[in-house]
C-alpha atoms as a PDB file:
ATOM      1  CA  MET A   1     121.751 108.459 115.033  1.00  0.00           C
ATOM      2  CA  ALA A   2     121.965 107.637 111.255  1.00  0.00           C
ATOM      3  CA  ASP A   3     122.895 104.101 111.802  1.00  0.00           C
ATOM      4  CA  ASN A   4     120.165 103.467 114.121  1.00  0.00           C
ATOM      5  CA  PHE A   5     117.738 105.254 112.031  1.00  0.00           C
ATOM      6  CA  TRP A   6     118.539 103.137 108.753  1.00  0.00           C
ATOM      7  CA  THR A   7     118.828  99.696 110.990  1.00  0.00           C
ATOM      8  CA  GLY A   8     115.454 100.483 112.308  1.00  0.00           C
ATOM      9  CA  VAL A   9     114.005 101.206 108.561  1.00  0.00           C
ATOM     10  CA  ILE A  10     115.606  98.064 107.254  1.00  0.00           C
ATOM     11  CA  VAL A  11     114.232  96.081 110.379  1.00  0.00           C
ATOM     12  CA  GLY A  12     110.746  97.531 110.055  1.00  0.00           C
ATOM     13  CA  TRP A  13     110.633  96.581 106.617  1.00  0.00           C
ATOM     14  CA  LEU A  14     111.808  93.085 107.521  1.00  0.00           C
ATOM     15  CA  VAL A  15     109.471  92.669 110.012  1.00  0.00           C
ATOM     16  CA  GLY A  16     106.472  94.531 107.508  1.00  0.00           C
ATOM     17  CA  LEU A  17     107.455  91.952 104.544  1.00  0.00           C
ATOM     18  CA  ILE A  18     107.591  88.631 106.961  1.00  0.00           C
ATOM     19  CA  LEU A  19     104.072  89.444 108.992  1.00  0.00           C
ATOM     20  CA  GLY A  20     102.549  90.876 105.631  1.00  0.00           C
ATOM     21  CA  PHE A  21     101.979  87.576 104.157  1.00  0.00           C
ATOM     22  CA  LEU A  22     100.257  86.160 107.512  1.00  0.00           C
ATOM     23  CA  LEU A  23      98.434  89.798 108.172  1.00  0.00           C
ATOM     24  CA  PRO A  24      98.194  91.662 105.154  1.00  0.00           C
ATOM     25  CA  VAL A  25      96.853  95.007 106.855  1.00  0.00           C
ATOM     26  CA  LEU A  26      98.799  94.523 110.268  1.00  0.00           C
ATOM     27  CA  GLY A  27     102.047  93.530 108.889  1.00  0.00           C
ATOM     28  CA  PRO A  28     102.929  97.003 107.383  1.00  0.00           C
ATOM     29  CA  LEU A  29     101.634  98.745 110.660  1.00  0.00           C
ATOM     30  CA  ILE A  30     103.730  96.592 112.993  1.00  0.00           C
ATOM     31  CA  GLY A  31     106.693  96.783 110.701  1.00  0.00           C
ATOM     32  CA  GLY A  32     106.524 100.766 111.044  1.00  0.00           C
ATOM     33  CA  PHE A  33     105.757 100.581 114.627  1.00  0.00           C
ATOM     34  CA  VAL A  34     109.035  98.481 115.011  1.00  0.00           C
ATOM     35  CA  ALA A  35     110.678 101.120 112.845  1.00  0.00           C
ATOM     36  CA  GLY A  36     109.494 103.456 114.991  1.00  0.00           C
ATOM     37  CA  TRP A  37     110.319 102.024 118.233  1.00  0.00           C
ATOM     38  CA  MET A  38     114.165 101.592 117.328  1.00  0.00           C
ATOM     39  CA  VAL A  39     114.806 104.593 115.605  1.00  0.00           C
ATOM     40  CA  ARG A  40     113.342 106.781 118.837  1.00  0.00           C
ATOM     41  CA  GLY A  41     113.140 110.552 118.539  1.00  0.00           C
ATOM     42  CA  GLY A  42     109.431 111.281 119.095  1.00  0.00           C
ATOM     43  CA  ILE A  43     106.673 111.069 116.615  1.00  0.00           C
ATOM     44  CA  GLY A  44     108.008 113.022 113.743  1.00  0.00           C
ATOM     45  CA  ASN A  45     111.605 110.380 113.548  1.00  0.00           C
ATOM     46  CA  GLY A  46     109.441 107.103 114.145  1.00  0.00           C
ATOM     47  CA  ALA A  47     106.780 108.447 111.177  1.00  0.00           C
ATOM     48  CA  LYS A  48     109.582 109.131 108.389  1.00  0.00           C
ATOM     49  CA  ALA A  49     111.207 105.669 109.559  1.00  0.00           C
ATOM     50  CA  GLY A  50     107.879 104.204 109.571  1.00  0.00           C
ATOM     51  CA  LEU A  51     107.412 105.866 105.896  1.00  0.00           C
ATOM     52  CA  LEU A  52     110.796 104.756 104.661  1.00  0.00           C
ATOM     53  CA  ALA A  53     110.519 100.908 105.614  1.00  0.00           C
ATOM     54  CA  GLY A  54     106.914 101.220 104.011  1.00  0.00           C
ATOM     55  CA  ILE A  55     108.187 102.768 100.889  1.00  0.00           C
ATOM     56  CA  LEU A  56     111.492 100.311 100.467  1.00  0.00           C
ATOM     57  CA  GLY A  57     108.582  97.360 100.715  1.00  0.00           C
ATOM     58  CA  ALA A  58     106.981  98.837  97.712  1.00  0.00           C
ATOM     59  CA  ILE A  59     110.048  99.486  95.861  1.00  0.00           C
ATOM     60  CA  VAL A  60     111.193  95.958  96.073  1.00  0.00           C
ATOM     61  CA  ILE A  61     108.153  94.282  94.610  1.00  0.00           C
ATOM     62  CA  ALA A  62     107.975  96.432  91.864  1.00  0.00           C
ATOM     63  CA  ILE A  63     111.548  95.193  91.050  1.00  0.00           C
ATOM     64  CA  LEU A  64     110.763  91.881  91.292  1.00  0.00           C
ATOM     65  CA  LEU A  65     107.467  92.147  89.145  1.00  0.00           C
ATOM     66  CA  ILE A  66     109.656  93.707  86.671  1.00  0.00           C
ATOM     67  CA  LEU A  67     112.107  90.820  86.719  1.00  0.00           C
ATOM     68  CA  GLY A  68     109.884  88.442  86.796  1.00  0.00           C
ATOM     69  CA  GLY A  69     108.275  89.686  83.712  1.00  0.00           C
ATOM     70  CA  THR A  70     111.230  89.935  82.046  1.00  0.00           C
ATOM     71  CA  VAL A  71     112.502  86.405  82.986  1.00  0.00           C
ATOM     72  CA  PHE A  72     109.106  84.613  82.322  1.00  0.00           C
ATOM     73  CA  LEU A  73     107.644  86.513  79.358  1.00  0.00           C
ATOM     74  CA  GLY A  74     110.880  88.397  77.709  1.00  0.00           C
ATOM     75  CA  ALA A  75     110.541  91.737  75.837  1.00  0.00           C
ATOM     76  CA  PHE A  76     106.690  91.629  76.307  1.00  0.00           C
ATOM     77  CA  GLY A  77     107.069  90.579  80.189  1.00  0.00           C
ATOM     78  CA  PHE A  78     109.527  93.601  80.804  1.00  0.00           C
ATOM     79  CA  ILE A  79     106.426  95.881  79.419  1.00  0.00           C
ATOM     80  CA  ALA A  80     103.983  94.489  81.316  1.00  0.00           C
ATOM     81  CA  GLY A  81     106.285  94.194  84.353  1.00  0.00           C
ATOM     82  CA  VAL A  82     107.350  98.100  83.797  1.00  0.00           C
ATOM     83  CA  GLY A  83     103.230  98.877  83.663  1.00  0.00           C
ATOM     84  CA  THR A  84     102.435  96.695  86.323  1.00  0.00           C
ATOM     85  CA  SER A  85     104.919  98.281  88.583  1.00  0.00           C
ATOM     86  CA  LEU A  86     103.953 101.691  88.095  1.00  0.00           C
ATOM     87  CA  ILE A  87     100.328 100.725  89.162  1.00  0.00           C
ATOM     88  CA  ILE A  88     101.397  98.687  92.195  1.00  0.00           C
ATOM     89  CA  ILE A  89     103.742 100.852  93.240  1.00  0.00           C
ATOM     90  CA  VAL A  90     101.748 104.055  93.510  1.00  0.00           C
ATOM     91  CA  SER A  91      99.143 101.794  95.378  1.00  0.00           C
ATOM     92  CA  ALA A  92     101.657 100.233  97.630  1.00  0.00           C
ATOM     93  CA  PHE A  93     103.192 103.546  98.397  1.00  0.00           C
ATOM     94  CA  VAL A  94      99.894 104.692  99.786  1.00  0.00           C
ATOM     95  CA  TYR A  95      99.044 101.118 101.366  1.00  0.00           C
ATOM     96  CA  GLN A  96     102.161 100.387 103.097  1.00  0.00           C
ATOM     97  CA  GLY A  97     103.543 103.885 103.439  1.00  0.00           C
ATOM     98  CA  VAL A  98     100.412 105.195 105.287  1.00  0.00           C
ATOM     99  CA  LEU A  99     100.291 102.210 107.196  1.00  0.00           C
ATOM    100  CA  SER A 100     103.888 102.156 108.099  1.00  0.00           C
ATOM    101  CA  LEU A 101     103.677 105.523 108.779  1.00  0.00           C
ATOM    102  CA  ILE A 102     101.241 105.399 111.419  1.00  0.00           C
ATOM    103  CA  GLY A 103     102.497 102.407 113.312  1.00  0.00           C
ATOM    104  CA  GLY A 104     105.718 104.461 113.312  1.00  0.00           C
ATOM    105  CA  ALA A 105     103.983 107.643 114.970  1.00  0.00           C
ATOM    106  CA  ILE A 106     102.415 105.471 117.098  1.00  0.00           C
ATOM    107  CA  ALA A 107     105.810 103.841 118.514  1.00  0.00           C
ATOM    108  CA  GLY A 108     107.645 107.191 118.397  1.00  0.00           C
ATOM    109  CA  ALA A 109     104.979 108.941 120.698  1.00  0.00           C
ATOM    110  CA  ILE A 110     105.106 105.962 123.165  1.00  0.00           C
ATOM    111  CA  ARG A 111     108.970 105.685 123.273  1.00  0.00           C
ATOM    112  CA  ARG A 112     110.350 109.424 123.233  1.00  0.00           C
END
């Protein structure tokens, strides 16, 4: 069950990441749906997988902002990257996390 859970989370994150560039609102929703569909186990397990897929995406975005700021602007870029990352990660947790959670819950309800 654990292998299936984390596989579903990672695949859902990748689907959300790829579709997020094309469809900003539907990308995380579909990514959460895929995560919830792969995990199985009802609404709660699907929602948890979708939420983790969305949070994983937010963490990756924050890390890329910090690294990019440091590479391009040095110490000032690191400080700016950390400040920006804190704001964006909170926003992304809400945005990606909630949409992915909804998608995962829908998939969990459909595939019990």
